[in-house]
Every structure is written in C-alpha cells, then in structure tokens.
C-alpha cells in the first residue's frame, strides 16, 4: 500500500508540474495574441489580461491528453533514472501492478476534468465570446433557448433576430422578428415576418409588417404591411452554423438538454451529439495516453534507445489524437454514428497500448 501511495504521489506531482509549465507558456502566448487582436480597442492592459484568463482554460482543457502522456513519460523516466523501477521489479512487482495507482489517479483526473473543469471551460468560453463581441461590433452570434432561436447580426446597424423555427442550416426561419438598433437613436425598427430566407447579402422576408420605432410618433399607425421585403445581411450559412456550432461553450451537464432543444427547433445537432460522446469517452482516452507513455518509458535506461522510445510514445499519442479528431469529423458529417466516431478511437487505442505494454514488459 505504501508503494502505491508513493507512485501515485510521484505521478501526481509530475502531472501538476507539466500542467503548470504548459499553463505558463500558453498564458504568455495568449496575452500576446489578445494584444495583437484587440490592442487598438478601448480595452486596456487589464482587459487583455482578463480576456487571456478567460481564453486559456479552453486551450488547457484541449491539451490535457498531451499533458498526461508527457507527465507519464517524465514520471517513469525519473523512476528509472534513480533505479527505483529496478528495485520495485526486484521486489516482485510487475509493470501492470505498478500502474494500478497511476491508473487510479488518471481516472480521478479525468473525472474532475469532465465533471468540473468542463463546466468552467464552458463558462469562461461564453464570457470570452461575449467580451470579444463587445470589442468587435462586426461579430455575429446565435443562441438557442426553449422559446426559439436567437441570432445577432452585426454591421452598420445591430440586428437581433428571433425565430420560432428554423431549417437544418439556419438559412430558413419561420415566424421571425428582426429588431434593428442604431447608435444615434437606439431601437430604430421592428420587422415581423411569416418566413425569412437567407440569400446572398440579404434576408428575403414574406408576409411582413414593419414598425418604425425611432421616428414615428405612433409606430402602430404608421406600420407597413408588405408581401415581400429584404433586409441587408452580412451572414452566410456557414457563419450561422459555426456561430452556434461550438459545443465546448456548453457545459456537459447542460448539453443533453441543449441537444434536445436543437432537435425541437429543426436542427440535426450532430456536432453537439458527437461532442457529448467525446467528452464521456475522455477517461478512456486519458488511460490510453497513460499506458502509451508507460509502455515506452518503463524500460531500464542504461540499455539505450530511450530517446527513440520516448519519441515513439509521443508520436503514437499525437497520431491517436488526430485520428480521434478525424473520426469526430466523420461523425459530425453523418458518415459515422455519433457514438462510434467518438468511442472507437479511444477504445482501439486503449487495446493497442495495453497490448504494447504486455509485449514490452511481460511478453
């Protein structure tokens, strides 16, 4: 039991050390990026630091698999360099038994990451997008709630769009309301339409009623009823999909309900469903990274070939990570079932890494 606690402590310290190193480097780089993007805006240095603090957690969450495999390699190379692995093996402990405590620590880390760190990343991502939208008036955003679809359109006049329903790509809206505001007069116009279709450079509306709120003394009396009307737009179908297509800004606890809202509004929600399965499969991915790192770093160092083994482990980890991302893209496009696209690469990687570990250590 004492040995298990010792190995768990060494592994945890290695993980924290690598994570803090990545956090420091990524934080500095992100501050430079925020200064480059928004240095000329009204926000000062304190605003740039706040933006960086809100943006860094998302990057660190994405880097967790890399941090885990590097911390595993660092931990076991250190144990091997001090001949501690030789002593542990001489006491009759196999490589599999030595990994029990790091495996338990990895499961705890993955549980904390998915259950606690994920909601934090979602909240900071939303706050970051909100602040960057305020600094960049040309930005457009979309949100979906239980009472319909909400979209903000930037440009010369800020336009808030609400729709009761939508097609799959957000270019055809039903029972839609446009509210335009201008800096000098505030809310200027309200437009309601039975149907709105996004074409190049404009929304085409049918069965329209228009209220001039900024100039008319009696907006209802001066309201216009038209069969067709157009409102200029700088949006495209791809921008609409991308604006609400970042599932990382939604907490995993809220994601199932959000997916249901998307489906009720007429969207396929494939990207969000794939992301949900990918988050649930994170513990398997983390275990795979642990076993890959351990398989190539638990050998006796004086036998030579340490650098090659370490590079092999890192390349295999990167390869698995990119294969997983590619599989998720196939799931988002509908070419693979959502669950299969998210779970297959980590499970295959876990099987492969365990086989490599058995071959190199107990084969």
Protein backbone atom coordinates (compact mmCIF):
# COMPACT_ATOMS: atom_id res chain seq x y z
CA UNK A 1 0.00 0.00 0.00
CA UNK A 2 2.87 2.37 0.81
CA UNK A 3 4.35 1.75 -2.64
CA UNK A 4 1.03 2.55 -4.31
CA UNK A 5 0.79 5.84 -2.41
CA UNK A 6 4.36 6.67 -3.37
CA UNK A 7 3.80 6.00 -7.08
CA UNK A 8 0.53 7.93 -7.02
CA UNK A 9 2.29 10.88 -5.39
CA UNK A 10 5.14 10.86 -7.93
CA UNK A 11 2.72 10.64 -10.84
CA UNK A 12 0.50 13.44 -9.47
CA UNK A 13 3.50 15.75 -8.96
CA UNK A 14 4.69 15.04 -12.50
CA UNK A 15 1.24 15.82 -13.89
CA UNK A 16 0.97 19.08 -11.94
CA UNK A 17 4.47 20.14 -12.97
CA UNK A 18 3.83 19.58 -16.69
CA UNK A 19 0.38 21.16 -16.48
CA UNK A 20 1.73 24.31 -14.78
CA UNK A 21 4.52 24.58 -17.37
CA UNK A 22 2.01 24.40 -20.22
CA UNK A 23 -0.26 26.86 -18.42
CA UNK A 24 2.52 29.42 -18.05
CA UNK A 25 3.67 29.17 -21.68
CA UNK A 26 0.15 29.16 -23.08
CA UNK A 27 -0.85 32.10 -20.88
CA UNK A 28 2.03 34.25 -22.12
CA UNK A 29 1.33 33.38 -25.75
CA UNK A 30 -2.37 34.13 -25.33
CA UNK A 31 -1.70 37.54 -23.79
CA UNK A 32 0.40 38.43 -26.85
CA UNK A 33 -2.41 37.22 -29.13
CA UNK A 34 -5.04 39.30 -27.30
CA UNK A 35 -2.83 42.38 -27.54
CA UNK A 36 -2.42 41.74 -31.27
CA UNK A 37 -6.18 41.35 -31.85
CA UNK A 38 -7.62 43.99 -29.53
CA UNK A 39 -4.67 46.19 -28.60
CA UNK A 40 -6.12 49.07 -30.59
CA UNK A 41 -9.59 48.87 -28.98
CA UNK A 42 -10.90 50.73 -25.95
CA UNK A 43 -9.83 47.94 -23.58
CA UNK A 44 -6.57 48.49 -21.72
CA UNK A 45 -3.98 46.01 -20.49
CA UNK A 46 -6.29 44.83 -17.70
CA UNK A 47 -8.94 43.92 -20.29
CA UNK A 48 -6.37 41.99 -22.33
CA UNK A 49 -5.28 40.09 -19.21
CA UNK A 50 -8.91 39.28 -18.43
CA UNK A 51 -9.51 38.05 -21.98
CA UNK A 52 -6.45 35.83 -21.74
CA UNK A 53 -7.59 34.45 -18.37
CA UNK A 54 -10.96 33.58 -19.94
CA UNK A 55 -9.43 32.00 -23.05
CA UNK A 56 -6.58 29.95 -21.54
CA UNK A 57 -8.79 27.34 -19.77
CA UNK A 58 -10.21 26.13 -23.10
CA UNK A 59 -6.72 25.62 -24.54
CA UNK A 60 -5.54 23.85 -21.39
CA UNK A 61 -8.54 21.54 -21.50
CA UNK A 62 -7.71 20.57 -25.08
CA UNK A 63 -4.07 19.95 -24.11
CA UNK A 64 -4.86 17.57 -21.24
CA UNK A 65 -4.17 14.35 -23.26
CA UNK A 66 -0.75 15.70 -24.27
CA UNK A 67 -0.04 16.81 -20.70
CA UNK A 68 -0.96 13.35 -19.44
CA UNK A 69 1.33 11.41 -21.78
CA UNK A 70 4.24 13.79 -21.13
CA UNK A 71 3.77 13.60 -17.35
CA UNK A 72 3.67 9.80 -17.57
CA UNK A 73 6.94 9.70 -19.50
CA UNK A 74 8.55 12.19 -17.12
CA UNK A 75 7.44 10.22 -14.06
CA UNK A 76 8.67 6.81 -15.19
CA UNK A 77 11.90 8.13 -16.71
CA UNK A 78 12.66 9.72 -13.34
CA UNK A 79 11.91 6.45 -11.52
CA UNK A 80 14.08 4.54 -13.98
CA UNK A 81 16.95 7.03 -13.77
CA UNK A 82 17.07 6.62 -9.99
CA UNK A 83 16.92 2.81 -10.37
CA UNK A 84 13.67 2.78 -8.40
CA UNK A 85 11.96 0.70 -11.09
CA UNK A 86 14.73 -1.90 -10.76
CA UNK A 87 14.13 -2.11 -7.03
CA UNK A 88 10.36 -2.34 -7.47
CA UNK A 89 10.73 -5.13 -10.02
CA UNK A 90 13.20 -6.94 -7.75
CA UNK A 91 10.56 -6.91 -5.02
CA UNK A 92 8.30 -8.96 -7.29
CA UNK A 93 6.06 -6.17 -8.62
CA UNK A 94 5.15 -6.45 -12.30
CA UNK A 95 4.66 -3.48 -14.60
CA UNK A 96 0.89 -4.00 -14.53
CA UNK A 97 0.76 -3.87 -10.72
CA UNK A 98 2.95 -0.75 -10.68
CA UNK A 99 0.45 1.01 -12.91
CA UNK A 100 -2.54 0.46 -10.63
CA UNK A 101 -2.05 3.70 -8.67
CA UNK A 102 -1.27 5.88 -11.75
CA UNK A 103 -4.38 4.41 -13.41
CA UNK A 104 -6.47 5.37 -10.38
CA UNK A 105 -5.00 8.89 -10.36
CA UNK A 106 -5.71 9.20 -14.11
CA UNK A 107 -9.33 8.18 -13.60
CA UNK A 108 -9.67 10.80 -10.86
CA UNK A 109 -8.09 13.46 -13.09
CA UNK A 110 -10.38 12.56 -15.99
CA UNK A 111 -13.43 12.61 -13.72
CA UNK A 112 -12.52 16.06 -12.39
CA UNK A 113 -11.80 17.29 -15.92
CA UNK A 114 -15.14 16.16 -17.34
CA UNK A 115 -17.37 16.88 -14.33
CA UNK A 116 -15.80 20.11 -13.03
CA UNK A 117 -13.26 21.56 -15.47
CA UNK A 118 -15.60 21.17 -18.46
CA UNK A 119 -18.30 23.49 -16.97
CA UNK A 120 -15.59 26.00 -16.03
CA UNK A 121 -14.27 25.98 -19.60
CA UNK A 122 -17.81 26.39 -20.95
CA UNK A 123 -18.45 29.40 -18.70
CA UNK A 124 -15.14 31.10 -19.48
CA UNK A 125 -15.60 30.45 -23.21
CA UNK A 126 -19.02 32.12 -23.17
CA UNK A 127 -17.63 35.07 -21.21
CA UNK A 128 -14.72 35.36 -23.64
CA UNK A 129 -17.01 35.35 -26.67
CA UNK A 130 -19.26 37.93 -25.04
CA UNK A 131 -16.38 40.30 -24.32
CA UNK A 132 -14.76 39.88 -27.72
CA UNK A 133 -18.15 40.53 -29.38
CA UNK A 134 -18.38 43.80 -27.44
CA UNK A 135 -14.91 44.79 -28.68
CA UNK A 136 -15.73 43.73 -32.27
CA UNK A 137 -19.04 45.20 -33.47
CA UNK A 138 -18.92 43.19 -36.69
CA UNK A 139 -19.29 39.90 -34.83
CA UNK A 140 -22.46 37.84 -35.17
CA UNK A 141 -23.69 35.33 -32.63
CA UNK A 142 -26.54 32.87 -32.29
CA UNK A 143 -28.15 31.24 -29.27
CA UNK A 144 -30.89 28.67 -28.90
CA UNK A 145 -33.32 28.58 -25.99
CA UNK A 146 -36.57 26.83 -25.19
CA UNK A 147 -38.59 29.73 -26.62
CA UNK A 148 -36.96 29.77 -30.05
CA UNK A 149 -33.86 30.75 -31.96
CA UNK A 150 -31.88 33.94 -31.24
CA UNK A 151 -29.35 35.49 -33.62
CA UNK A 152 -27.41 38.75 -33.55
CA UNK A 153 -26.27 40.25 -36.83
CA UNK A 154 -23.51 42.86 -36.91
CA UNK A 155 -22.83 45.55 -39.47
CA UNK A 156 -23.85 49.20 -39.87
CA UNK A 157 -26.90 48.53 -37.67
CA UNK A 158 -27.05 45.93 -34.96
CA UNK A 159 -29.91 43.49 -35.57
CA UNK A 160 -31.36 40.97 -33.14
CA UNK A 161 -33.27 38.15 -34.83
CA UNK A 162 -35.73 35.80 -33.12
CA UNK A 163 -37.41 32.89 -34.87
CA UNK A 164 -39.86 30.25 -33.75
CA UNK A 165 -38.37 27.59 -36.04
CA UNK A 166 -35.53 27.02 -38.48
CA UNK A 167 -34.26 24.59 -41.09
CA UNK A 168 -31.12 22.50 -40.61
CA UNK A 169 -28.59 25.16 -41.57
CA UNK A 170 -30.34 28.24 -40.16
CA UNK A 171 -30.99 29.88 -43.55
CA UNK A 172 -34.79 29.50 -43.48
CA UNK A 173 -36.61 30.89 -40.44
CA UNK A 174 -40.29 30.74 -39.52
CA UNK A 175 -42.33 33.30 -37.52
CA UNK A 176 -39.34 35.62 -37.34
CA UNK A 177 -38.80 39.05 -35.76
CA UNK A 178 -36.00 41.50 -36.65
CA UNK A 179 -35.18 44.34 -34.24
CA UNK A 180 -32.68 46.87 -35.61
CA UNK A 181 -30.86 49.39 -33.44
CA UNK A 182 -28.56 52.27 -34.32
CA UNK A 183 -26.10 54.06 -32.08
CA UNK A 184 -27.59 57.52 -32.53
CA UNK A 185 -31.28 56.65 -31.95
CA UNK A 186 -31.33 53.29 -30.21
CA UNK A 187 -34.02 50.83 -31.37
CA UNK A 188 -34.99 52.02 -34.84
CA UNK A 189 -37.14 49.36 -36.46
CA UNK A 190 -39.11 46.20 -35.73
CA UNK A 191 -39.95 43.78 -38.51
CA UNK A 192 -42.10 40.68 -38.22
CA UNK A 193 -42.45 38.10 -40.98
CA UNK A 194 -44.03 34.72 -41.51
CA UNK A 195 -40.92 33.47 -43.26
CA UNK A 196 -37.33 34.66 -43.77
CA UNK A 197 -34.82 33.12 -46.16
CA UNK A 198 -31.13 33.98 -46.23
CA UNK A 199 -29.81 34.70 -49.73
CA UNK A 200 -26.50 36.26 -50.70
CA UNK A 201 -26.26 39.61 -48.94
CA UNK A 202 -29.80 39.78 -47.54
CA UNK A 203 -32.75 38.17 -45.78
CA UNK A 204 -35.81 37.79 -48.01
CA UNK A 205 -38.99 38.14 -45.94
CA UNK A 206 -42.60 37.21 -46.82
CA UNK A 207 -45.86 38.38 -45.17
CA UNK A 208 -44.09 41.30 -43.49
CA UNK A 209 -45.13 44.01 -41.05
CA UNK A 210 -42.72 46.88 -40.29
CA UNK A 211 -42.80 49.34 -37.37
CA UNK A 212 -40.58 52.46 -37.46
CA UNK A 213 -39.82 52.89 -33.77
CA UNK A 214 -37.21 55.61 -33.99
CA UNK A 215 -39.02 58.27 -36.00
CA UNK A 216 -42.80 57.68 -35.98
CA UNK A 217 -44.87 59.23 -33.17
CA UNK A 218 -47.38 56.40 -33.43
CA UNK A 219 -45.48 53.33 -34.72
CA UNK A 220 -48.60 51.15 -34.95
CA UNK A 221 -50.48 53.69 -37.03
CA UNK A 222 -47.53 54.18 -39.37
CA UNK A 223 -46.77 50.46 -39.63
CA UNK A 224 -46.39 48.99 -43.13
CA UNK A 225 -47.67 45.62 -44.33
CA UNK A 226 -45.82 44.12 -47.27
CA UNK A 227 -45.93 40.83 -49.09
CA UNK A 228 -42.14 40.80 -49.50
CA UNK A 229 -39.24 42.72 -48.03
CA UNK A 230 -35.46 42.45 -47.85
CA UNK A 231 -33.07 43.23 -45.00
CA UNK A 232 -29.36 43.50 -45.75
CA UNK A 233 -27.19 40.86 -44.09
CA UNK A 234 -23.50 40.02 -43.94
CA UNK A 235 -24.21 36.49 -42.73
CA UNK A 236 -23.66 33.24 -44.61
CA UNK A 237 -24.99 29.76 -43.93
CA UNK A 238 -21.53 28.62 -42.80
CA UNK A 239 -21.25 31.51 -40.35
CA UNK A 240 -24.64 30.68 -38.84
CA UNK A 241 -23.69 27.02 -38.39
CA UNK A 242 -20.33 27.96 -36.90
CA UNK A 243 -21.82 30.62 -34.60
CA UNK A 244 -23.80 28.07 -32.62
CA UNK A 245 -21.68 25.07 -33.55
CA UNK A 246 -19.04 25.27 -30.80
CA UNK A 247 -20.18 22.71 -28.24
CA UNK A 248 -17.22 23.49 -25.96
CA UNK A 249 -19.07 26.62 -24.79
CA UNK A 250 -21.83 24.44 -23.29
CA UNK A 251 -21.39 22.57 -20.01
CA UNK A 252 -21.60 18.80 -20.29
CA UNK A 253 -24.38 18.91 -17.68
CA UNK A 254 -26.45 21.20 -19.93
CA UNK A 255 -25.52 19.61 -23.25
CA UNK A 256 -28.23 16.88 -23.35
CA UNK A 257 -31.00 19.46 -22.86
CA UNK A 258 -29.38 21.76 -25.43
CA UNK A 259 -29.25 18.93 -27.97
CA UNK A 260 -32.94 18.29 -27.38
CA UNK A 261 -33.69 22.00 -27.94
CA UNK A 262 -31.74 21.89 -31.20
CA UNK A 263 -33.74 18.92 -32.41
CA UNK A 264 -37.04 20.57 -31.47
CA UNK A 265 -36.00 23.70 -33.41
CA UNK A 266 -35.30 21.60 -36.50
CA UNK A 267 -31.51 21.22 -36.30
CA UNK A 268 -29.72 17.87 -36.62
CA UNK A 269 -27.41 18.55 -33.61
CA UNK A 270 -24.85 16.02 -34.89
CA UNK A 271 -21.86 18.10 -33.86
CA UNK A 272 -23.12 18.53 -30.32
CA UNK A 273 -24.03 14.85 -30.02
CA UNK A 274 -20.54 13.81 -31.17
CA UNK A 275 -19.02 16.26 -28.68
CA UNK A 276 -21.10 14.82 -25.86
CA UNK A 277 -19.88 11.29 -26.59
CA UNK A 278 -16.31 12.57 -26.96
CA UNK A 279 -16.48 14.14 -23.51
CA UNK A 280 -17.87 10.97 -21.99
CA UNK A 281 -15.04 8.98 -23.60
CA UNK A 282 -12.32 11.23 -22.15
CA UNK A 283 -11.40 8.79 -19.32
CA UNK A 284 -10.70 6.09 -21.91
CA UNK A 285 -8.51 8.48 -23.91
CA UNK A 286 -6.61 9.52 -20.78
CA UNK A 287 -6.00 5.88 -19.83
CA UNK A 288 -4.71 5.23 -23.35
CA UNK A 289 -2.23 8.10 -23.05
CA UNK A 290 -1.08 6.79 -19.68
CA UNK A 291 -0.47 3.26 -20.97
CA UNK A 292 1.30 4.53 -24.10
CA UNK A 293 3.63 6.71 -22.07
CA UNK A 294 4.30 3.96 -19.54
CA UNK A 295 4.94 1.25 -22.15
CA UNK A 296 7.83 3.18 -23.70
CA UNK A 297 9.35 4.72 -20.56
CA UNK A 298 9.43 1.88 -18.00
CA UNK A 299 12.44 0.15 -19.54
CA UNK A 300 15.87 0.28 -17.96
CA UNK A 301 17.51 3.46 -19.35
CA UNK A 302 21.09 2.20 -19.47
CA UNK A 303 20.05 -0.28 -22.13
CA UNK A 304 19.96 2.61 -24.63
CA UNK A 305 17.28 3.74 -27.06
CA UNK A 306 15.46 5.95 -24.51
CA UNK A 307 15.10 8.90 -26.88
CA UNK A 308 13.65 6.73 -29.64
CA UNK A 309 11.17 5.12 -27.26
CA UNK A 310 10.05 8.48 -25.88
CA UNK A 311 9.59 9.94 -29.37
CA UNK A 312 7.68 6.81 -30.42
CA UNK A 313 5.28 7.19 -27.48
CA UNK A 314 4.70 10.89 -28.22
CA UNK A 315 4.14 10.26 -31.94
CA UNK A 316 1.68 7.45 -31.20
CA UNK A 317 -0.16 9.74 -28.79
CA UNK A 318 -0.37 12.53 -31.39
CA UNK A 319 -1.45 10.02 -34.01
CA UNK A 320 -4.26 8.73 -31.82
CA UNK A 321 -5.35 12.29 -31.03
CA UNK A 322 -5.58 13.25 -34.72
CA UNK A 323 -7.32 10.00 -35.66
CA UNK A 324 -9.89 10.73 -32.95
CA UNK A 325 -10.45 14.24 -34.30
CA UNK A 326 -10.80 12.91 -37.85
CA UNK A 327 -13.28 10.30 -36.66
CA UNK A 328 -15.30 13.02 -34.92
CA UNK A 329 -15.41 15.00 -38.18
CA UNK A 330 -16.85 11.92 -39.88
CA UNK A 331 -19.45 11.72 -37.12
CA UNK A 332 -20.36 15.39 -37.48
CA UNK A 333 -20.86 14.96 -41.22
CA UNK A 334 -23.13 11.95 -40.65
CA UNK A 335 -20.80 9.39 -42.23
CA UNK A 336 -20.38 7.57 -38.90
CA UNK A 337 -22.77 7.19 -35.95
CA UNK A 338 -22.02 9.76 -33.25
CA UNK A 339 -21.21 7.22 -30.56
CA UNK A 340 -18.96 5.17 -32.84
CA UNK A 341 -16.99 8.19 -34.06
CA UNK A 342 -16.24 9.32 -30.50
CA UNK A 343 -15.68 5.98 -28.74
CA UNK A 344 -13.96 3.83 -31.38
CA UNK A 345 -10.52 5.58 -31.50
CA UNK A 346 -10.00 5.74 -27.69
CA UNK A 347 -11.12 2.11 -27.23
CA UNK A 348 -8.91 0.93 -30.10
CA UNK A 349 -6.03 2.96 -28.69
CA UNK A 350 -6.55 1.51 -25.22
CA UNK A 351 -6.44 -2.02 -26.60
CA UNK A 352 -3.33 -1.25 -28.66
CA UNK A 353 -1.46 0.44 -25.80
CA UNK A 354 -2.27 -2.40 -23.39
CA UNK A 355 -1.02 -4.94 -25.94
CA UNK A 356 2.21 -2.96 -26.41
CA UNK A 357 2.69 -2.78 -22.64
CA UNK A 358 2.21 -6.53 -22.25
CA UNK A 359 4.60 -7.26 -25.12
CA UNK A 360 7.37 -4.96 -23.89
CA UNK A 361 7.10 -5.71 -20.17
CA UNK A 362 5.63 -9.18 -19.74
CA UNK A 363 5.96 -10.62 -23.25
